[in-house]
Amino acid sequence: MRHLIASLLLLATAHAAELAIPDNVTFTRDIEFSNPDNQHLQVNLAQPKEGQGPFPAIVCIHGGGFRAGKREGYDKLLLTLAQHGYVAITVTYRLAPAYPFPAAIHDCKAAVRWLRANAAMYHVDPARIGAMGGSAGGHLAQFLGVTAGVPQFEGEGGNPGQSSAVSCVVNFYGPSDFTKSYDKSVDAKDVLPLFLGGDLSTKRKEHIISSPLYWVTPNAAPTLYLHGTADEYVAFEQASWIVDKLKAASVEAELIAFEGAGHGLKGVPLEKTESPMIAFFDKHLKPAGAK
C-alpha cells in the first residue's frame, strides 16, 4: 500500500507540473469551500470559456486509502471535462487517522453544497451535478449517490440550506462493503482501522454504517462502475454486490469489467475508461440533443 500511495502522490505532483490549460478552458486553483477545524479545504475548478451556461457540473474525488492523495491528481480530468461542456471541481477532504469517518463524507457533501450555493458565479446548473472518484474516492462518490437527504452525514461544512444530492455517479474500483473487505484485500487490515477507528471485531457498526451497500434505496443515483477483475486492493465482487443491489432497487446501474486488470486499471487504455464515463455523464446530465 505504501508503494501505491507514493505512486499516487508522485502522479499528482507530475500532473501539476505538466498541466497545460487549453485555450477554451478557464482553470482556477485553491478555492476554499469549507473550513472545518481550521483546515481550509479547497477545490480546483475548470469551466468552459465559451457559452453562457448554466453548465452541468461534476465533483471529482481523489483516492489514497482515505489517508493520502491530493486533489491535484484529477486536474487533467477537470480540463477534459470542461472541454466536454462541464464545470468540474476536484476536492480536498480531511484524511485519516487524524480525521476518521465520517469527516471525509462531511467534506465531500460540503463541496456539493458549496457548488450549488455558488452556481450563479460559476455558471452551474444546480439541478445537474454528478460525482466521480477512484478507490477511496469512488467510495466517497458512491456514498454521495446513496445518502442524499440523510442528515447524519451532512456535517457542518457550510451552506446548510443547499442539497448535497448528486444526479449520477461514476465509481472507479471503490469499495462498497467494508464488512467483507478484510479477506480479499491486501491492505484492508491497515487502512480500515485508521478510517473507522478499529477493526471489524471492535467497530462492526461503523463498518456497516460507512458502507454504501447498506444505504441503497430506490432513490439512489444512477451509477456506472468500472473495476478490474484482478484487483488486489478492492475485490471485484465489491462492484458486483452494489450494482446488483442498485438494480434490485430499480436504480440504473452498469458494471464495466476489465478482465485481468488490477487496482488503478493500470495498462487499460484511457479511452476505454474515459469515454464511457463521459458518455454516462452526458446521458444523465445533459438535455437530449445537447453536445
Protein backbone atom coordinates (compact mmCIF):
# COMPACT_ATOMS: atom_id res chain seq x y z
CA MET A 1 0.00 0.00 0.00
CA ARG A 2 2.89 2.36 0.72
CA HIS A 3 4.05 1.94 -2.87
CA LEU A 4 0.54 2.67 -4.18
CA ILE A 5 0.19 5.82 -2.09
CA ALA A 6 3.66 7.00 -3.12
CA SER A 7 2.71 6.46 -6.75
CA LEU A 8 -0.48 8.47 -6.32
CA LEU A 9 1.43 11.35 -4.74
CA LEU A 10 4.07 11.32 -7.46
CA LEU A 11 1.33 11.23 -10.09
CA ALA A 12 -0.38 14.26 -8.55
CA THR A 13 2.91 16.17 -8.50
CA ALA A 14 3.61 15.28 -12.11
CA HIS A 15 0.15 16.37 -13.17
CA ALA A 16 0.60 19.76 -11.50
CA ALA A 17 3.98 20.29 -13.13
CA GLU A 18 2.87 19.44 -16.67
CA LEU A 19 -0.64 20.87 -16.66
CA ALA A 20 -1.32 22.75 -19.89
CA ILE A 21 -4.54 24.77 -19.83
CA PRO A 22 -6.47 24.58 -23.13
CA ASP A 23 -7.44 27.89 -24.72
CA ASN A 24 -11.14 27.13 -24.34
CA VAL A 25 -10.99 26.37 -20.60
CA THR A 26 -10.70 28.55 -17.50
CA PHE A 27 -8.85 26.85 -14.65
CA THR A 28 -8.83 28.20 -11.10
CA ARG A 29 -6.83 26.71 -8.24
CA ASP A 30 -7.20 26.84 -4.47
CA ILE A 31 -10.79 28.00 -3.91
CA GLU A 32 -11.79 27.47 -0.29
CA PHE A 33 -15.15 25.75 0.11
CA SER A 34 -15.17 24.79 3.79
CA ASN A 35 -13.13 25.33 6.95
CA PRO A 36 -13.84 22.57 9.48
CA ASP A 37 -11.41 22.54 12.39
CA ASN A 38 -9.44 25.34 10.72
CA GLN A 39 -8.41 23.07 7.82
CA HIS A 40 -9.23 25.50 4.97
CA LEU A 41 -10.39 22.87 2.49
CA GLN A 42 -10.11 23.85 -1.17
CA VAL A 43 -11.13 22.85 -4.66
CA ASN A 44 -9.60 23.35 -8.08
CA LEU A 45 -12.17 24.27 -10.73
CA ALA A 46 -12.30 24.11 -14.53
CA GLN A 47 -15.05 25.58 -16.68
CA PRO A 48 -15.71 26.19 -20.37
CA LYS A 49 -14.78 29.64 -21.65
CA GLU A 50 -17.39 29.56 -24.37
CA GLY A 51 -21.12 29.54 -23.80
CA GLN A 52 -23.25 31.16 -21.14
CA GLY A 53 -24.39 28.04 -19.38
CA PRO A 54 -25.66 27.10 -16.98
CA PHE A 55 -23.46 24.03 -17.38
CA PRO A 56 -23.77 20.65 -15.71
CA ALA A 57 -21.11 20.03 -13.08
CA ILE A 58 -19.05 17.12 -11.83
CA VAL A 59 -17.41 16.69 -8.43
CA CYS A 60 -14.17 14.65 -8.67
CA ILE A 61 -12.91 12.91 -5.52
CA HIS A 62 -9.35 11.57 -5.27
CA GLY A 63 -8.29 8.23 -3.82
CA GLY A 64 -5.47 7.25 -1.48
CA GLY A 65 -6.85 4.81 1.08
CA PHE A 66 -8.66 7.59 2.99
CA ARG A 67 -5.28 8.61 4.40
CA ALA A 68 -3.35 10.04 1.44
CA GLY A 69 -3.78 11.50 -2.04
CA LYS A 70 -4.29 15.04 -3.32
CA ARG A 71 -6.97 16.74 -5.35
CA GLU A 72 -4.40 17.76 -7.98
CA GLY A 73 -4.34 14.19 -9.24
CA TYR A 74 -7.59 14.94 -11.08
CA ASP A 75 -6.59 18.34 -12.53
CA LYS A 76 -6.11 16.91 -16.02
CA LEU A 77 -9.50 15.25 -15.85
CA LEU A 78 -11.06 18.59 -14.91
CA LEU A 79 -9.70 20.10 -18.13
CA THR A 80 -11.07 17.22 -20.18
CA LEU A 81 -14.49 17.53 -18.57
CA ALA A 82 -14.53 21.30 -19.13
CA GLN A 83 -13.77 20.71 -22.81
CA HIS A 84 -16.84 18.46 -22.92
CA GLY A 85 -19.06 21.22 -21.52
CA TYR A 86 -18.86 20.65 -17.76
CA VAL A 87 -17.85 22.74 -14.80
CA ALA A 88 -15.68 20.35 -12.80
CA ILE A 89 -14.09 20.53 -9.38
CA THR A 90 -11.60 18.31 -7.59
CA VAL A 91 -11.96 18.23 -3.83
CA THR A 92 -9.63 18.15 -0.83
CA TYR A 93 -11.11 16.30 2.13
CA ARG A 94 -9.79 15.56 5.61
CA LEU A 95 -7.76 12.36 5.90
CA ALA A 96 -7.47 9.55 8.44
CA PRO A 97 -6.23 8.83 11.01
CA ALA A 98 -6.38 12.43 12.20
CA TYR A 99 -9.90 12.69 10.80
CA PRO A 100 -11.69 9.32 10.71
CA PHE A 101 -15.11 8.57 9.23
CA PRO A 102 -17.38 10.45 8.67
CA ALA A 103 -15.17 13.56 8.22
CA ALA A 104 -14.42 12.77 4.56
CA ILE A 105 -18.12 12.29 3.88
CA HIS A 106 -18.95 15.59 5.54
CA ASP A 107 -16.34 17.36 3.40
CA CYS A 108 -17.48 15.89 0.10
CA LYS A 109 -21.08 16.78 0.85
CA ALA A 110 -19.96 20.28 1.82
CA ALA A 111 -18.26 20.58 -1.57
CA VAL A 112 -21.50 19.71 -3.37
CA ARG A 113 -23.44 22.21 -1.26
CA TRP A 114 -20.78 24.88 -1.94
CA LEU A 115 -21.06 24.25 -5.67
CA ARG A 116 -24.83 24.73 -5.53
CA ALA A 117 -24.52 27.84 -3.37
CA ASN A 118 -22.11 29.34 -5.92
CA ALA A 119 -23.88 28.07 -9.02
CA ALA A 120 -24.55 31.52 -10.42
CA MET A 121 -20.90 32.61 -10.02
CA TYR A 122 -19.55 29.58 -11.88
CA HIS A 123 -22.43 29.19 -14.37
CA VAL A 124 -23.52 25.84 -12.94
CA ASP A 125 -26.96 24.29 -13.24
CA PRO A 126 -27.61 23.21 -9.62
CA ALA A 127 -30.03 20.53 -10.78
CA ARG A 128 -27.35 18.76 -12.85
CA ILE A 129 -24.44 17.74 -10.63
CA GLY A 130 -22.68 14.38 -10.85
CA ALA A 131 -19.82 12.82 -8.89
CA MET A 132 -16.90 10.56 -9.70
CA GLY A 133 -13.94 9.14 -7.85
CA GLY A 134 -11.39 6.34 -7.77
CA SER A 135 -10.74 3.82 -4.99
CA ALA A 136 -11.41 5.66 -1.70
CA GLY A 137 -12.74 8.48 -3.87
CA GLY A 138 -15.03 6.00 -5.62
CA HIS A 139 -16.40 5.00 -2.23
CA LEU A 140 -17.00 8.64 -1.32
CA ALA A 141 -18.67 9.41 -4.65
CA GLN A 142 -20.86 6.33 -4.23
CA PHE A 143 -21.72 7.40 -0.71
CA LEU A 144 -22.95 10.74 -2.08
CA GLY A 145 -25.12 8.80 -4.50
CA VAL A 146 -26.88 6.67 -1.88
CA THR A 147 -27.25 9.06 1.09
CA ALA A 148 -29.00 12.13 -0.31
CA GLY A 149 -31.14 13.66 2.40
CA VAL A 150 -29.63 11.63 5.26
CA PRO A 151 -28.99 14.32 7.91
CA GLN A 152 -26.34 12.45 9.91
CA PHE A 153 -23.84 12.71 7.05
CA GLU A 154 -24.19 16.40 6.23
CA GLY A 155 -21.75 17.74 8.81
CA GLU A 156 -21.30 21.46 9.46
CA GLY A 157 -19.20 22.42 6.45
CA GLY A 158 -21.26 25.40 5.36
CA ASN A 159 -24.24 26.20 3.12
CA PRO A 160 -26.67 24.11 5.14
CA GLY A 161 -29.62 25.32 3.06
CA GLN A 162 -28.29 23.57 -0.03
CA SER A 163 -28.73 19.93 -1.02
CA SER A 164 -25.75 17.57 -1.21
CA ALA A 165 -27.54 15.21 -3.61
CA VAL A 166 -25.92 14.20 -6.89
CA SER A 167 -27.73 13.12 -10.06
CA CYS A 168 -25.37 10.30 -11.03
CA VAL A 169 -22.13 8.61 -10.01
CA VAL A 170 -19.14 7.12 -11.82
CA ASN A 171 -17.28 4.85 -9.42
CA PHE A 172 -13.81 3.59 -10.32
CA TYR A 173 -12.97 0.50 -8.23
CA GLY A 174 -14.34 1.86 -4.94
CA PRO A 175 -15.30 -0.49 -2.08
CA SER A 176 -18.98 -0.98 -1.28
CA ASP A 177 -19.00 -3.25 1.81
CA PHE A 178 -16.27 -2.84 4.40
CA THR A 179 -17.56 -5.77 6.45
CA LYS A 180 -16.31 -8.09 3.68
CA SER A 181 -13.11 -6.28 2.79
CA TYR A 182 -10.58 -7.99 5.04
CA ASP A 183 -10.38 -11.44 3.43
CA LYS A 184 -9.87 -10.21 -0.15
CA SER A 185 -7.76 -7.08 0.19
CA VAL A 186 -4.03 -6.86 0.71
CA ASP A 187 -4.28 -3.69 2.80
CA ALA A 188 -7.75 -3.50 4.38
CA LYS A 189 -6.29 -4.56 7.73
CA ASP A 190 -4.09 -1.46 7.62
CA VAL A 191 -6.45 1.06 6.02
CA LEU A 192 -9.86 0.41 7.57
CA PRO A 193 -8.91 0.57 11.27
CA LEU A 194 -7.42 4.01 10.63
CA PHE A 195 -10.53 5.20 8.78
CA LEU A 196 -13.10 3.59 11.09
CA GLY A 197 -11.37 3.72 14.47
CA GLY A 198 -10.90 -0.02 14.83
CA ASP A 199 -11.20 -3.33 13.01
CA LEU A 200 -14.32 -5.38 12.35
CA SER A 201 -14.21 -7.01 15.78
CA THR A 202 -14.28 -3.68 17.64
CA LYS A 203 -16.07 -1.33 15.21
CA ARG A 204 -18.51 -3.51 13.29
CA LYS A 205 -21.28 -0.91 13.44
CA GLU A 206 -19.01 1.69 11.88
CA HIS A 207 -18.04 -0.76 9.11
CA ILE A 208 -21.72 -1.18 8.27
CA ILE A 209 -22.69 2.49 8.51
CA SER A 210 -19.78 3.56 6.30
CA SER A 211 -20.53 1.01 3.55
CA PRO A 212 -22.57 2.34 0.60
CA LEU A 213 -24.10 -1.10 0.04
CA TYR A 214 -26.27 -0.70 3.15
CA TRP A 215 -27.69 2.67 2.10
CA VAL A 216 -29.08 1.68 -1.30
CA THR A 217 -32.71 2.70 -1.83
CA PRO A 218 -34.83 3.31 -4.95
CA ASN A 219 -33.81 6.97 -4.60
CA ALA A 220 -30.11 6.25 -5.16
CA ALA A 221 -28.33 7.94 -8.05
CA PRO A 222 -27.73 6.05 -11.33
CA THR A 223 -24.26 4.55 -11.21
CA LEU A 224 -21.56 3.45 -13.62
CA TYR A 225 -18.94 1.20 -12.00
CA LEU A 226 -15.58 0.42 -13.61
CA HIS A 227 -13.45 -2.27 -11.97
CA GLY A 228 -10.62 -4.67 -12.76
CA THR A 229 -11.24 -8.37 -12.18
CA ALA A 230 -7.76 -8.88 -10.67
CA ASP A 231 -7.90 -6.00 -8.18
CA GLU A 232 -5.95 -6.99 -5.04
CA TYR A 233 -6.93 -3.93 -3.01
CA VAL A 234 -10.68 -3.79 -3.66
CA ALA A 235 -12.10 -7.16 -4.69
CA PHE A 236 -14.09 -7.21 -7.92
CA GLU A 237 -17.06 -8.66 -6.01
CA GLN A 238 -17.42 -5.31 -4.25
CA ALA A 239 -18.58 -3.85 -7.57
CA SER A 240 -20.94 -6.72 -8.34
CA TRP A 241 -22.65 -6.51 -4.97
CA ILE A 242 -23.64 -2.87 -5.15
CA VAL A 243 -24.52 -2.89 -8.85
CA ASP A 244 -26.82 -5.86 -8.25
CA LYS A 245 -28.39 -4.18 -5.24
CA LEU A 246 -28.95 -0.94 -7.15
CA LYS A 247 -30.62 -2.87 -9.95
CA ALA A 248 -32.78 -4.72 -7.43
CA ALA A 249 -33.93 -1.33 -6.17
CA SER A 250 -34.81 -0.32 -9.76
CA VAL A 251 -31.89 2.10 -9.96
CA GLU A 252 -29.97 2.26 -13.24
CA ALA A 253 -26.56 0.69 -12.69
CA GLU A 254 -23.91 -0.68 -15.00
CA LEU A 255 -20.65 -2.52 -14.33
CA ILE A 256 -17.81 -2.42 -16.85
CA ALA A 257 -15.33 -5.17 -16.01
CA PHE A 258 -11.73 -5.07 -17.19
CA GLU A 259 -10.51 -8.63 -17.38
CA GLY A 260 -7.17 -9.16 -15.62
CA ALA A 261 -6.78 -5.51 -14.64
CA GLY A 262 -5.62 -4.62 -11.13
CA HIS A 263 -6.23 -1.66 -8.88
CA GLY A 264 -5.98 1.64 -10.72
CA LEU A 265 -6.73 -0.10 -14.04
CA LYS A 266 -3.09 0.26 -14.98
CA GLY A 267 -2.47 -0.76 -18.56
CA VAL A 268 -6.07 -0.12 -19.62
CA PRO A 269 -6.15 2.47 -22.43
CA LEU A 270 -7.51 5.82 -21.27
CA GLU A 271 -10.20 5.89 -23.95
CA LYS A 272 -11.67 2.66 -22.57
CA THR A 273 -12.31 4.30 -19.19
CA GLU A 274 -12.75 7.98 -20.05
CA SER A 275 -15.13 7.54 -22.98
CA PRO A 276 -17.79 5.51 -21.11
CA MET A 277 -17.52 7.86 -18.15
CA ILE A 278 -18.18 10.94 -20.28
CA ALA A 279 -20.95 9.17 -22.20
CA PHE A 280 -22.62 8.27 -18.89
CA PHE A 281 -22.40 11.83 -17.61
CA ASP A 282 -23.72 13.15 -20.93
CA LYS A 283 -26.69 10.80 -20.70
CA HIS A 284 -27.64 11.87 -17.20
CA LEU A 285 -26.53 15.50 -17.02
CA LYS A 286 -27.16 16.93 -20.48
CA PRO A 287 -30.52 17.54 -22.16
CA ALA A 288 -31.36 15.32 -25.10
CA GLY A 289 -29.59 16.61 -28.19
CA ALA A 290 -27.06 18.73 -26.27
CA LYS A 291 -23.38 18.42 -27.12
